[in-house]
Amino acid sequence: MSDNPDDDFDARASPEDVDDAPTVSCTICDREWSLAYELDEMQVGNQSFEQFALDHMRHTGHFPDDVRPWVADCQNCREGEEFLSEGPARRWSKTHARHTRHSVVLQHEEETETVHDPEASANFE
């Protein structure tokens, strides 16, 4: 056995022979997709799963399996958004509450929180 790590490299193996792209499934659509397109063609890298989930929602009206979005809903107007991560959901909720002085309900799975404008709350104290 050689101490040279290059001796273990197989020059005959090509990147096309390796299929290590993650897959996403949707029981509503009864399908499974490889994220190779998002990785290879769209080149979104680490955001490939999020990009696919958002695209799936836009085109089908639902998220794929195991995706639980953060949902921000204004209690005063029809504004609302869905996010795949907490940071943007909180930022949208706080910004909307601050600019409109509306209460926003932020939900994720079993958790619910109401976001208020801190300046509006100070006016009522």
N, C-alpha and C. Protein backbone atom coordinates (compact mmCIF):
# COMPACT_ATOMS: atom_id res chain seq x y z
N MET A 1 0.84 -1.17 0.00
CA MET A 1 0.00 0.00 0.00
C MET A 1 0.89 1.23 0.00
N SER A 2 0.55 2.18 -0.84
CA SER A 2 1.35 3.38 -0.99
C SER A 2 0.90 4.45 -0.02
N ASP A 3 1.85 5.32 0.38
CA ASP A 3 1.53 6.45 1.24
C ASP A 3 1.07 7.66 0.42
N ASN A 4 1.10 7.56 -0.87
CA ASN A 4 0.72 8.66 -1.73
C ASN A 4 -0.81 8.64 -1.93
N PRO A 5 -1.53 9.70 -1.49
CA PRO A 5 -3.00 9.71 -1.64
C PRO A 5 -3.45 9.72 -3.09
N ASP A 6 -2.59 10.17 -4.01
CA ASP A 6 -2.97 10.19 -5.42
C ASP A 6 -3.06 8.79 -6.01
N ASP A 7 -2.45 7.80 -5.35
CA ASP A 7 -2.51 6.44 -5.84
C ASP A 7 -3.93 5.87 -5.75
N ASP A 8 -4.77 6.41 -4.84
CA ASP A 8 -6.14 5.93 -4.67
C ASP A 8 -7.09 6.59 -5.66
N PHE A 9 -6.66 7.62 -6.35
CA PHE A 9 -7.50 8.34 -7.29
C PHE A 9 -7.69 7.52 -8.55
N ASP A 10 -8.94 7.34 -8.95
CA ASP A 10 -9.24 6.59 -10.17
C ASP A 10 -9.54 7.59 -11.28
N ALA A 11 -8.63 7.78 -12.19
CA ALA A 11 -8.77 8.75 -13.27
C ALA A 11 -9.88 8.37 -14.24
N ARG A 12 -10.31 7.11 -14.20
CA ARG A 12 -11.37 6.68 -15.12
C ARG A 12 -12.75 7.13 -14.66
N ALA A 13 -12.93 7.41 -13.38
CA ALA A 13 -14.24 7.84 -12.88
C ALA A 13 -14.48 9.29 -13.29
N SER A 14 -15.60 9.52 -13.92
CA SER A 14 -15.91 10.88 -14.35
C SER A 14 -17.02 11.45 -13.46
N PRO A 15 -17.10 12.78 -13.36
CA PRO A 15 -18.16 13.39 -12.55
C PRO A 15 -19.56 13.00 -13.03
N GLU A 16 -19.72 12.69 -14.31
CA GLU A 16 -21.03 12.29 -14.83
C GLU A 16 -21.47 10.95 -14.27
N ASP A 17 -20.49 10.11 -13.83
CA ASP A 17 -20.82 8.80 -13.29
C ASP A 17 -21.34 8.88 -11.85
N VAL A 18 -21.15 10.00 -11.21
CA VAL A 18 -21.54 10.15 -9.82
C VAL A 18 -22.87 10.88 -9.76
N ASP A 19 -23.86 10.26 -9.12
CA ASP A 19 -25.17 10.89 -8.96
C ASP A 19 -25.43 11.04 -7.46
N ASP A 20 -24.89 12.13 -6.92
CA ASP A 20 -25.06 12.35 -5.49
C ASP A 20 -25.99 13.52 -5.20
N ALA A 21 -26.79 13.91 -6.19
CA ALA A 21 -27.72 15.02 -6.00
C ALA A 21 -28.83 14.58 -5.04
N PRO A 22 -29.20 15.45 -4.10
CA PRO A 22 -30.29 15.10 -3.20
C PRO A 22 -31.62 15.01 -3.95
N THR A 23 -32.58 14.34 -3.35
CA THR A 23 -33.90 14.21 -3.95
C THR A 23 -34.95 14.83 -3.03
N VAL A 24 -36.06 15.24 -3.63
CA VAL A 24 -37.18 15.82 -2.91
C VAL A 24 -38.42 15.05 -3.34
N SER A 25 -39.28 14.75 -2.38
CA SER A 25 -40.51 14.03 -2.71
C SER A 25 -41.73 14.85 -2.31
N CYS A 26 -42.84 14.54 -2.98
CA CYS A 26 -44.11 15.18 -2.68
C CYS A 26 -45.20 14.12 -2.77
N THR A 27 -45.81 13.80 -1.64
CA THR A 27 -46.86 12.78 -1.64
C THR A 27 -48.13 13.29 -2.31
N ILE A 28 -48.36 14.61 -2.29
CA ILE A 28 -49.54 15.17 -2.97
C ILE A 28 -49.42 14.94 -4.47
N CYS A 29 -48.25 15.19 -5.03
CA CYS A 29 -48.00 15.00 -6.47
C CYS A 29 -47.66 13.55 -6.79
N ASP A 30 -47.35 12.77 -5.75
CA ASP A 30 -46.92 11.38 -5.92
C ASP A 30 -45.73 11.27 -6.86
N ARG A 31 -44.72 12.16 -6.57
CA ARG A 31 -43.51 12.19 -7.40
C ARG A 31 -42.29 12.44 -6.52
N GLU A 32 -41.13 12.18 -7.13
CA GLU A 32 -39.85 12.46 -6.49
C GLU A 32 -38.95 13.09 -7.55
N TRP A 33 -38.17 14.10 -7.15
CA TRP A 33 -37.30 14.81 -8.07
C TRP A 33 -35.87 14.81 -7.57
N SER A 34 -34.95 14.75 -8.48
CA SER A 34 -33.53 14.95 -8.18
C SER A 34 -33.26 16.45 -8.27
N LEU A 35 -32.40 16.95 -7.42
CA LEU A 35 -32.06 18.37 -7.45
C LEU A 35 -30.85 18.64 -8.35
N ALA A 36 -30.53 17.70 -9.22
CA ALA A 36 -29.39 17.87 -10.14
C ALA A 36 -29.57 19.10 -11.01
N TYR A 37 -30.79 19.39 -11.48
CA TYR A 37 -31.03 20.56 -12.32
C TYR A 37 -30.70 21.84 -11.57
N GLU A 38 -31.18 21.94 -10.32
CA GLU A 38 -30.90 23.14 -9.52
C GLU A 38 -29.42 23.30 -9.25
N LEU A 39 -28.73 22.18 -9.05
CA LEU A 39 -27.30 22.22 -8.77
C LEU A 39 -26.47 22.48 -10.02
N ASP A 40 -26.78 21.77 -11.11
CA ASP A 40 -25.95 21.85 -12.31
C ASP A 40 -26.33 23.00 -13.24
N GLU A 41 -27.61 23.13 -13.54
CA GLU A 41 -28.05 24.13 -14.51
C GLU A 41 -28.25 25.51 -13.89
N MET A 42 -28.95 25.55 -12.75
CA MET A 42 -29.24 26.83 -12.11
C MET A 42 -28.10 27.30 -11.22
N GLN A 43 -27.25 26.36 -10.83
CA GLN A 43 -26.07 26.64 -10.01
C GLN A 43 -26.42 27.42 -8.74
N VAL A 44 -27.47 26.95 -8.01
CA VAL A 44 -27.87 27.62 -6.77
C VAL A 44 -27.20 27.02 -5.55
N GLY A 45 -26.41 25.98 -5.73
CA GLY A 45 -25.59 25.43 -4.65
C GLY A 45 -26.38 25.03 -3.42
N ASN A 46 -25.97 25.58 -2.27
CA ASN A 46 -26.59 25.20 -1.00
C ASN A 46 -28.06 25.58 -0.92
N GLN A 47 -28.51 26.48 -1.77
CA GLN A 47 -29.91 26.88 -1.76
C GLN A 47 -30.76 26.03 -2.71
N SER A 48 -30.23 24.92 -3.20
CA SER A 48 -30.97 24.13 -4.18
C SER A 48 -32.29 23.60 -3.60
N PHE A 49 -32.28 23.14 -2.36
CA PHE A 49 -33.51 22.62 -1.76
C PHE A 49 -34.53 23.74 -1.58
N GLU A 50 -34.09 24.88 -1.03
CA GLU A 50 -35.00 26.00 -0.83
C GLU A 50 -35.55 26.49 -2.16
N GLN A 51 -34.71 26.60 -3.17
CA GLN A 51 -35.16 27.07 -4.49
C GLN A 51 -36.20 26.12 -5.06
N PHE A 52 -35.95 24.82 -4.95
CA PHE A 52 -36.92 23.85 -5.46
C PHE A 52 -38.24 23.97 -4.70
N ALA A 53 -38.17 24.05 -3.37
CA ALA A 53 -39.38 24.13 -2.55
C ALA A 53 -40.20 25.37 -2.90
N LEU A 54 -39.54 26.51 -3.07
CA LEU A 54 -40.25 27.74 -3.43
C LEU A 54 -40.86 27.65 -4.83
N ASP A 55 -40.10 27.11 -5.78
CA ASP A 55 -40.63 26.93 -7.14
C ASP A 55 -41.82 25.96 -7.13
N HIS A 56 -41.70 24.89 -6.36
CA HIS A 56 -42.79 23.91 -6.27
C HIS A 56 -44.06 24.57 -5.74
N MET A 57 -43.91 25.40 -4.72
CA MET A 57 -45.06 26.10 -4.14
C MET A 57 -45.69 27.04 -5.17
N ARG A 58 -44.86 27.78 -5.88
CA ARG A 58 -45.38 28.72 -6.88
C ARG A 58 -46.17 28.01 -7.98
N HIS A 59 -45.72 26.82 -8.37
CA HIS A 59 -46.34 26.13 -9.49
C HIS A 59 -47.47 25.18 -9.09
N THR A 60 -47.48 24.72 -7.85
CA THR A 60 -48.49 23.73 -7.45
C THR A 60 -49.42 24.23 -6.34
N GLY A 61 -49.01 25.26 -5.62
CA GLY A 61 -49.83 25.75 -4.52
C GLY A 61 -49.56 25.06 -3.19
N HIS A 62 -48.59 24.16 -3.16
CA HIS A 62 -48.22 23.49 -1.91
C HIS A 62 -46.71 23.22 -1.90
N PHE A 63 -46.19 23.02 -0.70
CA PHE A 63 -44.77 22.70 -0.55
C PHE A 63 -44.56 21.20 -0.64
N PRO A 64 -43.34 20.76 -1.00
CA PRO A 64 -43.04 19.33 -1.00
C PRO A 64 -43.04 18.79 0.44
N ASP A 65 -42.94 17.49 0.55
CA ASP A 65 -42.90 16.82 1.87
C ASP A 65 -41.81 17.41 2.76
N ASP A 66 -42.08 17.42 4.03
CA ASP A 66 -41.12 17.82 5.07
C ASP A 66 -40.74 19.30 5.04
N VAL A 67 -41.44 20.12 4.27
CA VAL A 67 -41.17 21.56 4.27
C VAL A 67 -42.26 22.22 5.09
N ARG A 68 -41.85 22.86 6.16
CA ARG A 68 -42.78 23.56 7.05
C ARG A 68 -42.42 25.04 7.06
N PRO A 69 -43.13 25.84 6.28
CA PRO A 69 -42.76 27.25 6.16
C PRO A 69 -43.11 28.06 7.39
N TRP A 70 -42.44 29.18 7.53
CA TRP A 70 -42.78 30.21 8.50
C TRP A 70 -43.83 31.07 7.80
N VAL A 71 -44.97 31.26 8.42
CA VAL A 71 -46.07 32.01 7.82
C VAL A 71 -46.29 33.28 8.62
N ALA A 72 -46.22 34.43 7.94
CA ALA A 72 -46.47 35.73 8.56
C ALA A 72 -47.76 36.28 7.97
N ASP A 73 -48.76 36.53 8.83
CA ASP A 73 -50.04 37.05 8.38
C ASP A 73 -50.40 38.30 9.16
N CYS A 74 -50.68 39.38 8.44
CA CYS A 74 -51.12 40.62 9.06
C CYS A 74 -52.55 40.43 9.53
N GLN A 75 -52.84 40.94 10.73
CA GLN A 75 -54.17 40.83 11.29
C GLN A 75 -55.10 41.96 10.86
N ASN A 76 -54.55 42.97 10.17
CA ASN A 76 -55.36 44.12 9.78
C ASN A 76 -55.58 44.24 8.27
N CYS A 77 -54.66 43.76 7.49
CA CYS A 77 -54.81 43.85 6.03
C CYS A 77 -54.54 42.49 5.42
N ARG A 78 -54.59 42.39 4.15
CA ARG A 78 -54.44 41.10 3.47
C ARG A 78 -52.98 40.72 3.20
N GLU A 79 -52.05 41.44 3.76
CA GLU A 79 -50.63 41.16 3.52
C GLU A 79 -50.20 39.90 4.29
N GLY A 80 -49.32 39.17 3.70
CA GLY A 80 -48.77 37.98 4.34
C GLY A 80 -47.74 37.35 3.43
N GLU A 81 -46.86 36.59 4.01
CA GLU A 81 -45.80 35.93 3.25
C GLU A 81 -45.47 34.59 3.91
N GLU A 82 -44.87 33.69 3.13
CA GLU A 82 -44.35 32.43 3.63
C GLU A 82 -42.86 32.40 3.38
N PHE A 83 -42.12 31.91 4.35
CA PHE A 83 -40.66 31.86 4.28
C PHE A 83 -40.19 30.47 4.69
N LEU A 84 -39.03 30.10 4.18
CA LEU A 84 -38.48 28.79 4.54
C LEU A 84 -37.52 28.87 5.72
N SER A 85 -37.17 30.07 6.15
CA SER A 85 -36.30 30.19 7.32
C SER A 85 -36.82 31.30 8.22
N GLU A 86 -36.43 31.21 9.47
CA GLU A 86 -36.95 32.10 10.50
C GLU A 86 -36.53 33.56 10.33
N GLY A 87 -35.27 33.80 10.00
CA GLY A 87 -34.76 35.17 9.91
C GLY A 87 -35.57 36.08 8.99
N PRO A 88 -35.77 35.68 7.73
CA PRO A 88 -36.56 36.53 6.84
C PRO A 88 -38.01 36.67 7.29
N ALA A 89 -38.57 35.64 7.89
CA ALA A 89 -39.96 35.71 8.36
C ALA A 89 -40.09 36.74 9.49
N ARG A 90 -39.15 36.72 10.42
CA ARG A 90 -39.17 37.71 11.51
C ARG A 90 -38.92 39.12 10.98
N ARG A 91 -37.99 39.25 10.06
CA ARG A 91 -37.68 40.57 9.49
C ARG A 91 -38.91 41.15 8.78
N TRP A 92 -39.61 40.34 7.97
CA TRP A 92 -40.79 40.81 7.28
C TRP A 92 -41.87 41.21 8.29
N SER A 93 -42.07 40.39 9.31
CA SER A 93 -43.10 40.66 10.32
C SER A 93 -42.83 41.95 11.07
N LYS A 94 -41.60 42.12 11.51
CA LYS A 94 -41.25 43.33 12.26
C LYS A 94 -41.33 44.57 11.37
N THR A 95 -40.88 44.46 10.13
CA THR A 95 -40.92 45.60 9.21
C THR A 95 -42.36 45.99 8.90
N HIS A 96 -43.20 44.99 8.63
CA HIS A 96 -44.60 45.28 8.33
C HIS A 96 -45.28 45.93 9.54
N ALA A 97 -45.06 45.38 10.72
CA ALA A 97 -45.65 45.94 11.94
C ALA A 97 -45.16 47.36 12.18
N ARG A 98 -43.91 47.60 11.94
CA ARG A 98 -43.33 48.93 12.17
C ARG A 98 -43.89 49.97 11.21
N HIS A 99 -44.02 49.60 9.94
CA HIS A 99 -44.48 50.56 8.93
C HIS A 99 -45.99 50.78 8.96
N THR A 100 -46.75 49.76 9.35
CA THR A 100 -48.21 49.87 9.28
C THR A 100 -48.87 49.98 10.65
N ARG A 101 -48.11 49.66 11.71
CA ARG A 101 -48.65 49.58 13.08
C ARG A 101 -49.73 48.51 13.19
N HIS A 102 -49.62 47.50 12.34
CA HIS A 102 -50.52 46.35 12.38
C HIS A 102 -49.87 45.22 13.16
N SER A 103 -50.68 44.38 13.76
CA SER A 103 -50.17 43.17 14.41
C SER A 103 -50.01 42.09 13.35
N VAL A 104 -48.92 41.34 13.45
CA VAL A 104 -48.64 40.24 12.52
C VAL A 104 -48.51 38.96 13.32
N VAL A 105 -49.22 37.94 12.89
CA VAL A 105 -49.10 36.63 13.53
C VAL A 105 -48.06 35.83 12.75
N LEU A 106 -47.05 35.35 13.47
CA LEU A 106 -45.98 34.55 12.88
C LEU A 106 -46.14 33.12 13.37
N GLN A 107 -46.29 32.18 12.43
CA GLN A 107 -46.51 30.78 12.77
C GLN A 107 -45.46 29.89 12.13
N HIS A 108 -45.07 28.87 12.89
CA HIS A 108 -44.19 27.83 12.36
C HIS A 108 -44.51 26.54 13.08
N GLU A 109 -44.96 25.56 12.34
CA GLU A 109 -45.41 24.29 12.89
C GLU A 109 -46.41 24.55 14.01
N GLU A 110 -46.08 24.21 15.25
CA GLU A 110 -47.02 24.36 16.37
C GLU A 110 -46.85 25.68 17.12
N GLU A 111 -45.89 26.50 16.73
CA GLU A 111 -45.61 27.75 17.44
C GLU A 111 -46.34 28.92 16.78
N THR A 112 -46.89 29.81 17.61
CA THR A 112 -47.55 31.03 17.13
C THR A 112 -47.09 32.19 17.98
N GLU A 113 -46.76 33.28 17.33
CA GLU A 113 -46.29 34.48 18.02
C GLU A 113 -46.89 35.69 17.33
N THR A 114 -47.27 36.70 18.11
CA THR A 114 -47.78 37.94 17.54
C THR A 114 -46.71 39.00 17.62
N VAL A 115 -46.44 39.65 16.50
CA VAL A 115 -45.43 40.70 16.41
C VAL A 115 -46.15 42.04 16.35
N HIS A 116 -45.76 42.96 17.24
CA HIS A 116 -46.35 44.30 17.28
C HIS A 116 -45.27 45.33 16.98
N ASP A 117 -45.70 46.51 16.59
CA ASP A 117 -44.80 47.65 16.42
C ASP A 117 -44.43 48.16 17.81
N PRO A 118 -43.15 48.18 18.19
CA PRO A 118 -42.77 48.63 19.53
C PRO A 118 -43.14 50.09 19.79
N GLU A 119 -43.09 50.93 18.76
CA GLU A 119 -43.46 52.34 18.94
C GLU A 119 -44.96 52.48 19.17
N ALA A 120 -45.76 51.68 18.49
CA ALA A 120 -47.21 51.74 18.68
C ALA A 120 -47.57 51.27 20.08
N SER A 121 -46.87 50.24 20.56
CA SER A 121 -47.13 49.74 21.92
C SER A 121 -46.76 50.81 22.94
N ALA A 122 -45.69 51.55 22.71
CA ALA A 122 -45.26 52.59 23.66
C ALA A 122 -46.30 53.70 23.73
N ASN A 123 -47.00 53.97 22.65
CA ASN A 123 -48.02 55.03 22.64
C ASN A 123 -49.22 54.69 23.50
N PHE A 124 -49.42 53.39 23.79
CA PHE A 124 -50.59 52.99 24.56
C PHE A 124 -50.27 52.80 26.04
N GLU A 125 -49.05 52.93 26.43
CA GLU A 125 -48.66 52.73 27.84
C GLU A 125 -48.79 54.00 28.64
